[in-house]
Protein backbone atom coordinates (compact mmCIF):
# COMPACT_ATOMS: atom_id res chain seq x y z
CA MET A 1 -20.29 93.88 -50.02
CA PRO A 2 -23.59 95.86 -49.45
CA THR A 3 -24.41 96.28 -45.84
CA THR A 4 -27.90 97.17 -44.62
CA SER A 5 -29.36 98.82 -41.45
CA SER A 6 -32.88 97.86 -42.15
CA PRO A 7 -34.98 97.14 -39.14
CA VAL A 8 -36.52 93.64 -38.38
CA GLY A 9 -37.95 91.77 -41.44
CA ASP A 10 -36.78 94.37 -43.69
CA ILE A 11 -34.36 92.14 -45.51
CA GLU A 12 -35.34 89.61 -47.84
CA THR A 13 -33.02 87.85 -50.43
CA ASP A 14 -33.01 86.67 -53.94
CA ALA A 15 -29.87 84.77 -53.67
CA GLU A 16 -29.19 82.01 -56.41
CA LYS A 17 -29.68 78.24 -55.75
CA GLY A 18 -26.51 76.03 -55.15
CA ARG A 19 -23.89 75.95 -52.97
CA SER A 20 -21.74 79.13 -52.08
CA ASP A 21 -18.76 80.08 -49.81
CA GLU A 22 -19.36 82.26 -46.63
CA LYS A 23 -19.14 85.64 -48.38
CA THR A 24 -21.32 84.66 -51.20
CA LEU A 25 -24.04 83.50 -48.67
CA LEU A 26 -23.84 86.97 -46.82
CA SER A 27 -23.71 88.77 -50.06
CA VAL A 28 -27.60 89.72 -49.58
CA LYS A 29 -29.61 92.01 -51.67
CA PRO A 30 -32.18 94.01 -49.66
CA LEU A 31 -35.79 94.04 -51.30
CA PRO A 32 -38.75 96.14 -50.33
CA ARG A 33 -39.11 96.91 -46.55
CA LYS A 34 -42.63 96.33 -46.05
CA ARG A 35 -42.70 92.93 -44.38
CA PRO A 36 -46.14 90.67 -44.23
CA TRP A 37 -47.22 90.00 -40.78
CA TYR A 38 -47.20 86.35 -41.23
CA LYS A 39 -43.28 86.42 -41.58
CA PHE A 40 -43.23 86.35 -37.72
CA LEU A 41 -44.29 82.78 -38.20
CA ASP A 42 -41.65 81.80 -40.51
CA GLU A 43 -38.76 80.49 -38.09
CA TYR A 44 -36.12 80.41 -41.01
CA GLU A 45 -36.67 83.89 -42.43
CA TYR A 46 -33.20 85.14 -41.04
CA ARG A 47 -31.21 82.10 -41.33
CA ASP A 48 -32.36 81.52 -45.06
CA LEU A 49 -30.43 84.98 -45.71
CA TYR A 50 -26.99 83.11 -45.04
CA GLU A 51 -27.90 79.43 -45.42
CA ARG A 52 -30.23 79.49 -48.29
CA ASN A 53 -31.38 76.08 -47.37
CA GLY A 54 -34.90 76.99 -47.45
CA LEU A 55 -34.63 78.12 -50.99
CA ASN A 56 -33.90 74.70 -52.41
CA HIS A 57 -35.20 72.40 -49.90
CA LYS A 58 -37.85 69.91 -51.08
CA TRP A 59 -39.97 68.55 -48.15
CA TYR A 60 -39.87 64.86 -49.23
CA HIS A 61 -35.84 64.86 -49.53
CA TRP A 62 -34.07 63.16 -46.56
CA PHE A 63 -30.97 65.32 -47.61
CA ASP A 64 -30.56 68.75 -48.22
CA GLU A 65 -29.99 69.94 -51.85
CA ASN A 66 -26.90 71.72 -51.09
CA ASP A 67 -25.50 68.64 -49.25
CA SER A 68 -22.46 67.48 -51.11
CA PRO A 69 -22.37 63.53 -51.87
CA GLU A 70 -19.53 63.38 -49.37
CA GLU A 71 -22.02 65.10 -46.67
CA ARG A 72 -24.64 62.80 -47.62
CA ARG A 73 -22.39 59.74 -47.07
CA TYR A 74 -21.49 61.29 -43.68
CA ILE A 75 -24.95 62.02 -42.63
CA LEU A 76 -26.05 58.55 -43.57
CA LYS A 77 -23.27 57.29 -41.35
CA LEU A 78 -24.49 59.38 -38.58
CA ASP A 79 -28.12 58.00 -39.04
CA LEU A 80 -27.04 54.37 -39.11
CA LEU A 81 -24.92 54.60 -35.92
CA ILE A 82 -26.11 57.66 -33.78
CA THR A 83 -29.68 57.73 -34.56
CA SER A 84 -30.39 54.03 -34.46
CA TYR A 85 -28.24 53.45 -31.20
CA CYS A 86 -30.19 56.47 -29.62
CA MET A 87 -33.46 54.65 -30.65
CA ILE A 88 -32.34 51.51 -29.36
CA SER A 89 -31.32 52.99 -26.09
CA TYR A 90 -34.31 54.84 -25.28
CA TRP A 91 -36.38 51.75 -26.00
CA VAL A 92 -34.55 49.68 -23.11
CA LYS A 93 -34.78 52.83 -21.01
CA ASN A 94 -38.38 53.18 -21.10
CA LEU A 95 -38.89 49.17 -21.17
CA ASP A 96 -37.31 49.43 -17.72
CA GLN A 97 -38.89 52.64 -16.95
CA THR A 98 -42.60 51.72 -17.50
CA ASN A 99 -42.28 47.89 -16.53
CA VAL A 100 -43.44 49.06 -12.89
CA THR A 101 -46.82 49.89 -14.12
CA ASN A 102 -47.47 46.77 -15.83
CA ALA A 103 -45.67 44.96 -12.77
CA TYR A 104 -47.99 46.68 -10.48
CA THR A 105 -51.18 45.58 -12.31
CA SER A 106 -49.75 42.00 -12.82
CA GLY A 107 -49.29 40.80 -9.07
CA MET A 108 -46.87 43.16 -7.52
CA LYS A 109 -49.35 45.07 -5.86
CA GLU A 110 -51.00 42.07 -3.95
CA GLU A 111 -47.47 40.29 -3.32
CA LEU A 112 -45.87 43.39 -1.93
CA ASN A 113 -48.87 44.51 -0.14
CA LEU A 114 -48.96 48.04 -1.78
CA GLN A 115 -51.60 50.03 -0.29
CA GLY A 116 -53.08 53.60 -1.14
CA ASN A 117 -50.74 55.82 -3.22
CA ALA A 118 -48.23 53.16 -3.62
CA LEU A 119 -47.89 53.23 -7.50
CA VAL A 120 -47.28 57.10 -7.64
CA ASP A 121 -44.98 56.99 -4.69
CA LEU A 122 -42.55 54.40 -6.81
CA GLN A 123 -43.03 56.76 -9.65
CA VAL A 124 -42.17 59.87 -7.77
CA MET A 125 -38.73 58.00 -6.25
CA TYR A 126 -37.83 57.48 -9.91
CA ASN A 127 -38.31 61.12 -10.63
CA VAL A 128 -36.31 62.26 -7.60
CA GLY A 129 -33.28 60.06 -8.65
CA CYS A 130 -33.65 61.57 -12.41
CA VAL A 131 -33.50 65.08 -10.69
CA VAL A 132 -30.81 64.52 -8.37
CA MET A 133 -28.29 63.04 -10.76
CA GLN A 134 -28.83 65.59 -13.71
CA ILE A 135 -27.31 68.48 -11.40
CA PRO A 136 -23.57 67.30 -11.61
CA PHE A 137 -23.97 66.86 -15.45
CA LEU A 138 -24.09 70.84 -15.71
CA TYR A 139 -20.26 70.61 -15.48
CA LEU A 140 -19.72 66.83 -16.82
CA PHE A 141 -21.36 66.83 -20.08
CA PRO A 142 -18.87 69.04 -22.12
CA LYS A 143 -15.96 67.26 -19.92
CA CYS A 144 -16.96 63.76 -20.35
CA ARG A 145 -16.30 61.20 -23.13
CA MET A 146 -20.18 60.72 -24.12
CA ASN A 147 -19.07 57.47 -25.94
CA ILE A 148 -18.24 56.17 -22.52
CA LEU A 149 -20.93 57.95 -20.45
CA ILE A 150 -24.18 57.20 -22.17
CA PRO A 151 -23.50 53.27 -22.79
CA GLY A 152 -21.93 52.92 -18.98
CA LEU A 153 -25.51 54.67 -17.98
CA ASP A 154 -27.45 52.07 -19.82
CA ILE A 155 -25.53 49.01 -18.09
CA VAL A 156 -25.92 50.58 -14.53
CA TRP A 157 -29.68 50.91 -14.78
CA GLY A 158 -29.63 47.61 -16.47
CA LEU A 159 -28.08 45.99 -13.14
CA PHE A 160 -30.54 47.98 -11.09
CA THR A 161 -33.26 46.73 -12.93
CA LEU A 162 -32.21 43.33 -12.48
CA ALA A 163 -32.03 43.97 -8.60
CA GLN A 164 -35.74 44.45 -8.40
CA TYR A 165 -36.68 40.98 -9.00
CA ARG A 166 -35.28 40.47 -5.37
CA ALA A 167 -37.76 43.07 -3.65
CA LYS A 168 -39.19 42.05 -0.63
CA ASN A 169 -41.40 44.88 0.28
CA LYS A 170 -42.39 48.61 -0.87
CA ALA A 171 -39.21 50.19 0.54
CA GLN A 172 -36.62 48.14 -1.14
CA MET A 173 -38.72 48.39 -4.22
CA MET A 174 -38.68 52.41 -3.88
CA ALA A 175 -34.97 52.08 -3.17
CA PHE A 176 -34.53 50.36 -6.42
CA ARG A 177 -36.31 52.62 -8.38
CA PHE A 178 -34.35 55.74 -6.89
CA LEU A 179 -31.18 54.22 -8.17
CA ILE A 180 -32.67 53.50 -11.53
CA GLY A 181 -33.60 57.06 -11.91
CA CYS A 182 -30.07 58.27 -11.01
CA ALA A 183 -28.86 56.20 -13.71
CA GLU A 184 -31.52 57.09 -16.19
CA GLY A 185 -31.52 60.92 -15.35
CA PRO A 186 -28.64 62.17 -17.26
CA PHE A 187 -29.45 59.87 -20.48
CA PHE A 188 -32.41 62.06 -21.87
CA PRO A 189 -30.43 65.45 -21.93
CA GLY A 190 -27.28 63.82 -22.82
CA VAL A 191 -28.48 62.24 -25.93
CA HIS A 192 -30.12 65.70 -27.17
CA TYR A 193 -26.87 67.26 -26.24
CA VAL A 194 -25.08 64.74 -28.33
CA LEU A 195 -27.58 65.00 -31.20
CA GLY A 196 -27.37 69.03 -31.28
CA ALA A 197 -23.66 68.67 -31.76
CA TRP A 198 -23.74 66.54 -34.88
CA PHE A 199 -27.08 67.58 -36.73
CA LYS A 200 -27.97 70.97 -38.10
CA SER A 201 -30.93 72.59 -36.94
CA HIS A 202 -33.11 71.41 -39.98
CA GLU A 203 -32.20 67.67 -39.33
CA ILE A 204 -32.56 67.22 -35.73
CA GLN A 205 -36.38 66.96 -35.47
CA ARG A 206 -36.48 63.98 -37.56
CA ARG A 207 -33.56 62.22 -35.68
CA GLY A 208 -35.01 63.20 -32.52
CA GLY A 209 -38.05 61.82 -33.85
CA ILE A 210 -36.66 58.42 -34.61
CA PHE A 211 -34.67 58.52 -31.11
CA TYR A 212 -38.27 59.14 -29.36
CA MET A 213 -39.82 56.30 -31.29
CA GLY A 214 -37.76 54.10 -28.60
CA LEU A 215 -40.29 55.44 -25.83
CA MET A 216 -43.21 54.18 -27.64
CA LEU A 217 -41.51 51.05 -28.63
CA GLY A 218 -40.41 50.46 -25.09
CA SER A 219 -43.97 51.34 -23.82
CA THR A 220 -45.39 48.95 -26.39
CA THR A 221 -43.06 45.97 -25.78
CA ALA A 222 -43.48 46.47 -21.91
CA GLY A 223 -47.25 45.34 -22.22
CA LEU A 224 -46.39 42.80 -24.77
CA LEU A 225 -43.51 41.32 -22.77
CA GLN A 226 -45.18 41.50 -19.64
CA ALA A 227 -48.23 39.38 -20.79
CA SER A 228 -45.85 36.87 -22.66
CA VAL A 229 -43.67 36.61 -19.27
CA PHE A 230 -46.68 36.37 -17.09
CA GLN A 231 -48.05 33.42 -19.37
CA HIS A 232 -45.01 31.33 -19.79
CA LEU A 233 -42.86 32.23 -16.65
CA ASN A 234 -45.12 32.71 -13.73
CA GLY A 235 -44.22 30.43 -11.07
CA VAL A 236 -40.98 29.19 -12.81
CA ASN A 237 -38.27 28.58 -10.22
CA GLY A 238 -40.65 29.67 -7.48
CA LEU A 239 -40.78 33.55 -9.04
CA SER A 240 -43.69 35.17 -10.12
CA GLY A 241 -44.37 36.36 -13.66
CA TRP A 242 -43.72 40.22 -12.57
CA ARG A 243 -40.28 39.23 -11.11
CA TRP A 244 -39.42 37.45 -14.10
CA MET A 245 -40.27 40.73 -16.26
CA PHE A 246 -37.36 42.53 -14.66
CA VAL A 247 -34.90 39.71 -15.09
CA VAL A 248 -35.87 39.72 -19.01
CA ASP A 249 -35.43 43.52 -18.89
CA ALA A 250 -31.83 43.60 -17.73
CA ILE A 251 -30.89 40.62 -20.11
CA ILE A 252 -32.01 42.78 -22.89
CA THR A 253 -30.65 46.27 -21.44
CA ILE A 254 -26.84 45.11 -20.39
CA PRO A 255 -25.84 44.20 -24.03
CA VAL A 256 -27.25 47.08 -25.38
CA GLY A 257 -25.03 49.04 -23.21
CA ILE A 258 -21.91 46.91 -24.02
CA LEU A 259 -22.82 47.39 -27.83
CA GLY A 260 -22.72 51.23 -27.21
CA PHE A 261 -19.12 51.18 -26.25
CA PHE A 262 -18.21 50.16 -29.98
CA ILE A 263 -20.83 52.45 -32.11
CA TRP A 264 -21.56 55.32 -30.15
CA PRO A 265 -18.87 58.09 -31.23
CA GLY A 266 -19.65 60.66 -28.50
CA THR A 267 -19.05 64.20 -29.61
CA PRO A 268 -17.12 65.82 -32.79
CA ASP A 269 -14.68 67.29 -30.32
CA LYS A 270 -14.19 64.14 -28.29
CA LEU A 271 -14.95 61.75 -31.22
CA HIS A 272 -13.81 57.90 -30.55
CA SER A 273 -15.34 55.43 -32.52
CA PHE A 274 -14.26 52.19 -34.77
CA PHE A 275 -16.42 53.77 -37.43
CA PHE A 276 -15.71 57.31 -37.58
CA THR A 277 -12.56 59.00 -39.25
CA ALA A 278 -10.68 62.11 -39.06
CA LYS A 279 -12.08 63.13 -41.88
CA ASP A 280 -15.43 62.57 -40.42
CA ALA A 281 -14.65 64.99 -37.65
CA GLU A 282 -13.46 67.57 -40.24
CA ILE A 283 -16.98 67.47 -41.95
CA ALA A 284 -18.63 67.84 -38.52
CA LYS A 285 -16.59 70.89 -37.83
CA ARG A 286 -17.27 72.63 -41.31
CA ARG A 287 -20.90 71.64 -40.65
CA ALA A 288 -20.93 73.07 -37.41
CA LYS A 289 -19.29 76.40 -38.62
CA ARG A 290 -22.05 76.65 -41.13
CA ASN A 291 -24.84 76.20 -38.59
CA GLY A 292 -23.43 78.52 -36.15
CA THR A 293 -22.72 75.92 -33.69
CA GLY A 294 -20.22 76.85 -30.85
CA LYS A 295 -17.23 75.24 -29.80
CA PRO A 296 -16.65 73.39 -26.30
CA GLN A 297 -14.61 75.93 -23.92
CA GLY A 298 -14.62 74.07 -20.58
CA PHE A 299 -16.75 75.01 -17.68
CA ARG A 300 -16.97 78.86 -16.95
CA TRP A 301 -18.64 80.52 -13.93
CA GLU A 302 -19.58 83.33 -16.09
CA VAL A 303 -21.87 80.88 -18.28
CA ILE A 304 -23.76 80.09 -15.14
CA LYS A 305 -24.36 83.89 -14.48
CA ARG A 306 -25.25 84.68 -18.04
CA ALA A 307 -27.53 81.75 -17.73
CA LEU A 308 -29.42 83.16 -14.87
CA THR A 309 -29.78 86.61 -16.70
CA SER A 310 -30.83 85.70 -20.07
CA TRP A 311 -34.30 84.94 -21.30
CA HIS A 312 -33.39 81.20 -22.20
CA LEU A 313 -33.70 79.79 -18.77
CA PRO A 314 -36.90 81.32 -17.57
CA VAL A 315 -38.69 81.07 -20.91
CA LEU A 316 -37.48 77.68 -21.86
CA ALA A 317 -37.76 76.28 -18.32
CA ILE A 318 -41.49 77.24 -18.19
CA TRP A 319 -41.87 75.74 -21.57
CA ASP A 320 -40.61 72.41 -20.62
CA VAL A 321 -42.36 72.32 -17.42
CA LEU A 322 -45.64 72.92 -19.13
CA PHE A 323 -44.55 69.93 -21.72
CA TRP A 324 -43.61 67.63 -18.92
CA ASN A 325 -46.96 68.12 -17.28
CA SER A 326 -49.29 68.12 -20.12
CA SER A 327 -50.22 64.34 -19.73
CA GLY A 328 -51.19 61.62 -17.47
CA GLN A 329 -50.05 58.54 -19.62
CA SER A 330 -46.84 58.25 -17.54
CA TYR A 331 -49.03 57.51 -14.50
CA GLY A 332 -50.53 54.33 -16.08
CA VAL A 333 -54.11 56.04 -16.17
CA PHE A 334 -54.98 53.50 -19.28
CA LEU A 335 -54.00 50.35 -17.51
CA LEU A 336 -55.69 51.44 -14.24
CA TRP A 337 -58.97 52.07 -16.29
CA LEU A 338 -58.70 48.92 -18.03
CA LYS A 339 -58.44 46.85 -14.61
CA SER A 340 -61.28 48.90 -13.31
CA LEU A 341 -63.63 47.43 -16.01
CA GLY A 342 -63.01 44.03 -14.49
CA ARG A 343 -63.56 42.24 -17.79
CA TYR A 344 -60.04 41.73 -18.90
CA SER A 345 -57.36 39.31 -17.92
CA THR A 346 -54.05 40.15 -16.74
CA VAL A 347 -52.48 38.81 -19.99
CA MET A 348 -55.17 40.63 -21.99
CA ARG A 349 -54.90 43.86 -19.91
CA ASN A 350 -51.02 44.10 -20.92
CA ASN A 351 -51.72 43.11 -24.50
CA LEU A 352 -54.24 46.05 -24.78
CA SER A 353 -51.69 48.48 -22.95
CA ALA A 354 -49.56 48.24 -26.02
CA ILE A 355 -51.83 49.81 -28.43
CA PRO A 356 -51.73 53.52 -27.44
CA PRO A 357 -47.91 53.53 -27.39
CA ALA A 358 -47.93 51.56 -30.43
CA LEU A 359 -50.05 54.39 -32.20
CA GLY A 360 -47.47 57.02 -30.68
CA VAL A 361 -44.96 55.95 -33.48
CA LEU A 362 -47.13 57.17 -36.09
CA TYR A 363 -48.06 60.53 -34.22
CA ILE A 364 -44.13 60.67 -33.74
CA PHE A 365 -43.91 60.46 -37.20
CA ILE A 366 -46.39 63.07 -38.19
CA ILE A 367 -45.35 65.61 -35.60
CA CYS A 368 -41.24 65.29 -35.84
CA PHE A 369 -41.00 64.57 -39.42
CA GLY A 370 -43.35 67.25 -40.23
CA ALA A 371 -41.44 69.98 -38.34
CA ASP A 372 -38.58 69.08 -40.10
CA VAL A 373 -39.63 68.95 -43.89
CA PHE A 374 -42.22 71.57 -43.38
CA ARG A 375 -39.68 73.79 -41.39
CA SER A 376 -42.53 74.52 -38.99
CA ARG A 377 -41.80 73.80 -35.49
CA TRP A 378 -44.34 75.85 -33.83
CA PHE A 379 -46.93 74.57 -36.02
CA PHE A 380 -46.25 70.92 -35.20
CA LEU A 381 -46.18 71.77 -31.76
CA CYS A 382 -49.51 73.27 -31.37
CA LEU A 383 -51.00 70.60 -33.55
CA ALA A 384 -49.85 67.95 -31.10
CA GLN A 385 -50.98 69.72 -28.25
CA ALA A 386 -54.46 70.51 -29.81
CA ILE A 387 -55.13 66.81 -30.13
CA ASN A 388 -53.82 66.25 -26.69
CA TRP A 389 -56.18 68.78 -25.30
CA ILE A 390 -59.11 67.33 -26.63
CA ASN A 391 -58.44 64.02 -25.39
CA LEU A 392 -57.92 65.65 -21.88
CA VAL A 393 -61.26 67.24 -22.18
CA ILE A 394 -63.11 64.07 -22.98
CA LEU A 395 -61.41 62.36 -19.88
CA ALA A 396 -62.12 65.21 -17.66
CA VAL A 397 -65.84 65.17 -18.57
CA TRP A 398 -65.76 61.37 -17.98
CA SER A 399 -69.59 60.96 -18.55
CA VAL A 400 -69.16 60.10 -22.01
CA PRO A 401 -69.75 56.86 -24.10
CA GLU A 402 -67.04 54.51 -23.53
CA SER A 403 -65.98 54.44 -27.25
CA ALA A 404 -64.99 58.37 -26.73
CA LYS A 405 -62.92 57.19 -23.76
CA TRP A 406 -61.08 54.54 -25.79
CA PHE A 407 -60.46 57.41 -28.53
CA ALA A 408 -59.04 59.65 -25.85
CA PHE A 409 -56.78 56.86 -24.68
CA MET A 410 -55.63 56.00 -28.03
CA VAL A 411 -54.37 59.50 -28.79
CA GLN A 412 -53.05 60.36 -25.54
CA TYR A 413 -49.45 59.67 -26.94
CA PHE A 414 -49.57 62.96 -29.13
CA SER A 415 -48.83 64.75 -25.94
CA ILE A 416 -45.26 63.50 -25.90
CA SER A 417 -44.83 62.92 -29.88
CA MET A 418 -43.64 66.66 -29.78
CA SER A 419 -40.68 66.21 -27.20
CA SER A 420 -37.97 66.05 -29.79
CA VAL A 421 -39.50 68.85 -31.84
CA LEU A 422 -39.18 70.97 -28.44
CA TYR A 423 -35.61 69.81 -27.50
CA GLY A 424 -34.62 69.83 -30.93
CA TRP A 425 -35.63 73.81 -31.10
CA ALA A 426 -34.00 74.25 -27.82
CA ASN A 427 -30.62 72.94 -29.15
CA ASP A 428 -31.22 75.08 -32.09
CA ILE A 429 -31.83 78.18 -29.89
CA LEU A 430 -28.73 77.36 -28.13
CA ARG A 431 -26.32 76.19 -30.76
CA HIS A 432 -23.78 79.36 -30.60
CA ASP A 433 -22.54 78.17 -27.30
CA ASP A 434 -21.57 74.40 -26.48
CA GLU A 435 -20.81 74.97 -22.78
CA TYR A 436 -23.90 77.23 -22.42
CA ARG A 437 -26.07 74.90 -24.28
CA SER A 438 -25.34 72.14 -21.83
CA VAL A 439 -25.92 74.21 -18.72
CA ILE A 440 -29.39 75.16 -20.01
CA LEU A 441 -30.56 72.02 -21.38
CA ILE A 442 -29.76 70.14 -18.19
CA VAL A 443 -31.21 72.96 -16.11
CA ILE A 444 -34.38 73.38 -17.91
CA ASN A 445 -34.86 69.47 -17.96
CA THR A 446 -34.13 69.35 -14.17
CA LEU A 447 -36.80 72.05 -13.45
CA ALA A 448 -39.31 70.35 -15.66
CA GLN A 449 -38.68 66.85 -14.22
CA GLN A 450 -38.61 68.14 -10.68
CA SER A 451 -42.03 69.49 -11.13
CA THR A 452 -43.31 65.78 -11.64
CA VAL A 453 -41.86 64.97 -8.29
CA TRP A 454 -44.53 66.81 -6.53
CA THR A 455 -47.63 67.30 -9.01
CA PRO A 456 -48.54 63.76 -8.97
CA LEU A 457 -48.64 63.73 -5.23
CA ILE A 458 -51.60 66.66 -5.80
CA PHE A 459 -53.35 65.55 -9.01
CA TRP A 460 -52.30 61.87 -9.82
CA GLN A 461 -53.04 60.09 -6.63
CA THR A 462 -53.51 56.34 -7.06
CA VAL A 463 -56.79 56.32 -4.96
CA ASP A 464 -58.23 58.48 -7.47
CA ALA A 465 -58.00 56.06 -10.45
CA PRO A 466 -59.46 55.73 -12.89
CA ARG A 467 -61.51 59.02 -12.68
CA TYR A 468 -58.62 61.50 -12.25
CA LEU A 469 -60.81 64.57 -12.10
CA LYS A 470 -58.05 66.65 -10.80
CA GLY A 471 -55.33 65.18 -13.15
CA PHE A 472 -57.39 65.37 -16.38
CA THR A 473 -58.43 68.94 -15.64
CA PHE A 474 -54.65 70.05 -14.49
CA ALA A 475 -53.15 68.73 -17.86
CA GLY A 476 -55.73 69.92 -19.84
CA THR A 477 -54.96 73.61 -18.66
CA VAL A 478 -51.30 73.15 -19.07
CA SER A 479 -51.74 71.90 -22.58
CA PHE A 480 -53.44 74.98 -23.47
CA SER A 481 -50.95 77.02 -21.68
CA LEU A 482 -48.14 75.12 -23.60
CA VAL A 483 -49.60 76.17 -26.87
CA MET A 484 -49.60 79.69 -25.85
CA TRP A 485 -46.22 79.62 -24.59
CA THR A 486 -44.80 78.51 -27.75
CA PHE A 487 -45.62 81.82 -29.47
CA VAL A 488 -43.59 83.49 -26.60
CA VAL A 489 -40.63 81.19 -27.53
CA LEU A 490 -40.90 82.12 -31.10
CA TYR A 491 -40.83 85.71 -30.58
CA PHE A 492 -37.80 85.49 -28.60
CA PHE A 493 -36.07 82.82 -31.00
CA LYS A 494 -36.85 85.34 -34.07
CA ARG A 495 -35.39 88.11 -32.07
CA ASP A 496 -32.12 86.34 -31.56
CA GLU A 497 -31.96 85.06 -34.99
CA ARG A 498 -32.30 88.55 -36.11
CA LYS A 499 -29.39 89.49 -34.15
CA TYR A 500 -27.25 86.89 -35.13
CA TYR A 501 -27.75 87.46 -38.87
CA PHE A 502 -26.77 91.00 -38.52
CA GLU A 503 -23.89 90.12 -36.57
CA ARG A 504 -22.52 87.83 -39.26
CA LEU A 505 -23.06 90.88 -41.71
CA ARG A 506 -21.21 93.10 -39.54
CA VAL A 507 -18.17 90.52 -39.16
CA ASN A 508 -18.07 89.99 -42.64
CA ASP A 509 -18.16 93.35 -43.53
CA GLU A 510 -15.40 94.33 -41.09
CA SER A 511 -13.25 91.27 -42.63
CA GLU A 512 -13.59 92.68 -46.00
CA VAL A 513 -12.31 95.74 -44.98
CA SER A 514 -9.36 94.32 -43.08
CA ASP A 515 -8.54 92.39 -46.14
CA SER A 516 -9.05 95.13 -48.43
CA SER A 517 -6.62 97.50 -46.16
CA SER A 518 -4.19 94.52 -46.07
CA GLN A 519 -4.23 94.59 -49.66
CA HIS A 520 -3.65 98.36 -49.89
CA SER A 521 -0.78 98.08 -47.20
CA ALA A 522 0.84 95.24 -49.00
CA GLY A 523 0.55 97.17 -52.20
CA ASP A 524 2.41 100.06 -50.65
CA ARG A 525 5.27 98.20 -49.35
CA ILE A 526 5.80 96.64 -52.54
CA ASP A 527 5.70 100.10 -54.25
CA GLU A 528 8.31 101.12 -51.49
CA LYS A 529 10.37 98.23 -52.23
CA VAL A 530 10.45 98.68 -55.92
CA ALA A 531 11.42 102.46 -55.38
CA VAL A 532 14.32 101.50 -53.35
CA VAL A 533 15.48 99.10 -55.66
CA GLU A 534 15.24 101.38 -58.52
CA LEU A 535 17.19 104.08 -56.63
CA SER A 536 19.88 101.66 -55.71
CA ALA A 537 20.24 100.54 -59.34
CA ASP A 538 20.17 104.18 -60.52
CA THR A 539 23.06 104.83 -57.76
CA HIS A 540 25.09 102.17 -59.09
CA ARG A 541 24.81 103.26 -62.69
CA GLN A 542 26.11 106.58 -61.89
CA PRO A 543 30.22 107.21 -62.83
CA LEU A 544 32.30 107.33 -59.96
CA ALA A 545 33.81 110.92 -59.16
């Protein structure tokens, strides 16, 4: 096999199309050394040299051309069970998470006598619960059976959601929000951990996008459901409409958790499902090997040390912190603005609040599917944040026509449409070591979410609604910084991909040398045995003295 010592970017490929075994994939022919500058922006520059997916892939195909019919059936099964359940679970999670804002503007504020920054205090307590409960899962994700953990968390937060209808004051509501946060905190990184175990790098953004559509559906139905519940159940059995909302949410959530015990398979190394077979597990292992996905190895303290000394933790953590603070939509800014206009009823406000997240489904399709099919995650991350930055500038200026504000609020979900691209890319960067991937995903998500514990108290105080000058200015600055930091991530990612590519070449080359040596040694031993046999035969043929 030809080897090469070319510097970064000196290797190109003219490999033939079609499926190949590992050695054929690594039989790369070096082409001219000069590398165009724009190759830096090609995320698959090195991977295409050993996977070849980019040479055959057409953007409008759901499957890769190199996937066998058996793999396509397997991937379809993953989509029907894993991807669809992810979306449904995230829908009920976000329904339970965002309903507090709808309840706040639908009578809870007055009934519980919530004053000042009470709404942001409730949101902060939820975030505190999320952050606290993510820490133990540094250790638990690779150890736990994810087919039990994720559905179990779903049921737990459903029960705490139900408990909110009994809240008598702000203190009780804050306690319930904290407990819901504790149950929901491990869910998001846990789902991305599972997706990273099943799907390859060029598949995960689309699946993550479908998963994230659940967030938009949750935000959409929260408003529509609150409007319907307020209209039809307000006062029934002496309960206010906003209290009935929490009851209805729990009735939806708990059955979804129970369903998960039957269809959610967990991870390939701890597979348990009525629908997945041992053959599916073998296909998963084969795909993981081709993708370079590492095997689970149990908790090791050296993994923590490695995380603290690598580029992954600081660079990805800053990236994630910027993402979590690049928008104000999670603080109910649109609903509070609608209420400040004084021209819409409670039912109409809740109905109107469903429009931005409904549009967010389209934005996710554009960003997540675009990143996969056009194989350019950095471009679609920057596109989403560019549109987000425009809406934040409009809202920061504020003295603009009302139609401009409507436009700004309608496109605000572009800010979070990139979530699955960001986490999918992080999964891909960390794919070589399952334990290490678990640690980094949890830590960066925890660091990012902890920032939302204190930034709202500074920039998104409820008393500043609906103007939020500090908030929109802060988020706009963060959005711009996020675009710049994406290129830092791209630089380190390309550097790691180059190292991994040459490591594969080196290991394969040594393997071939070893095989060749073994063949020579075996040949020598055969020659020796033949010589001994011939000598023995000659001896027996000699006449006795």
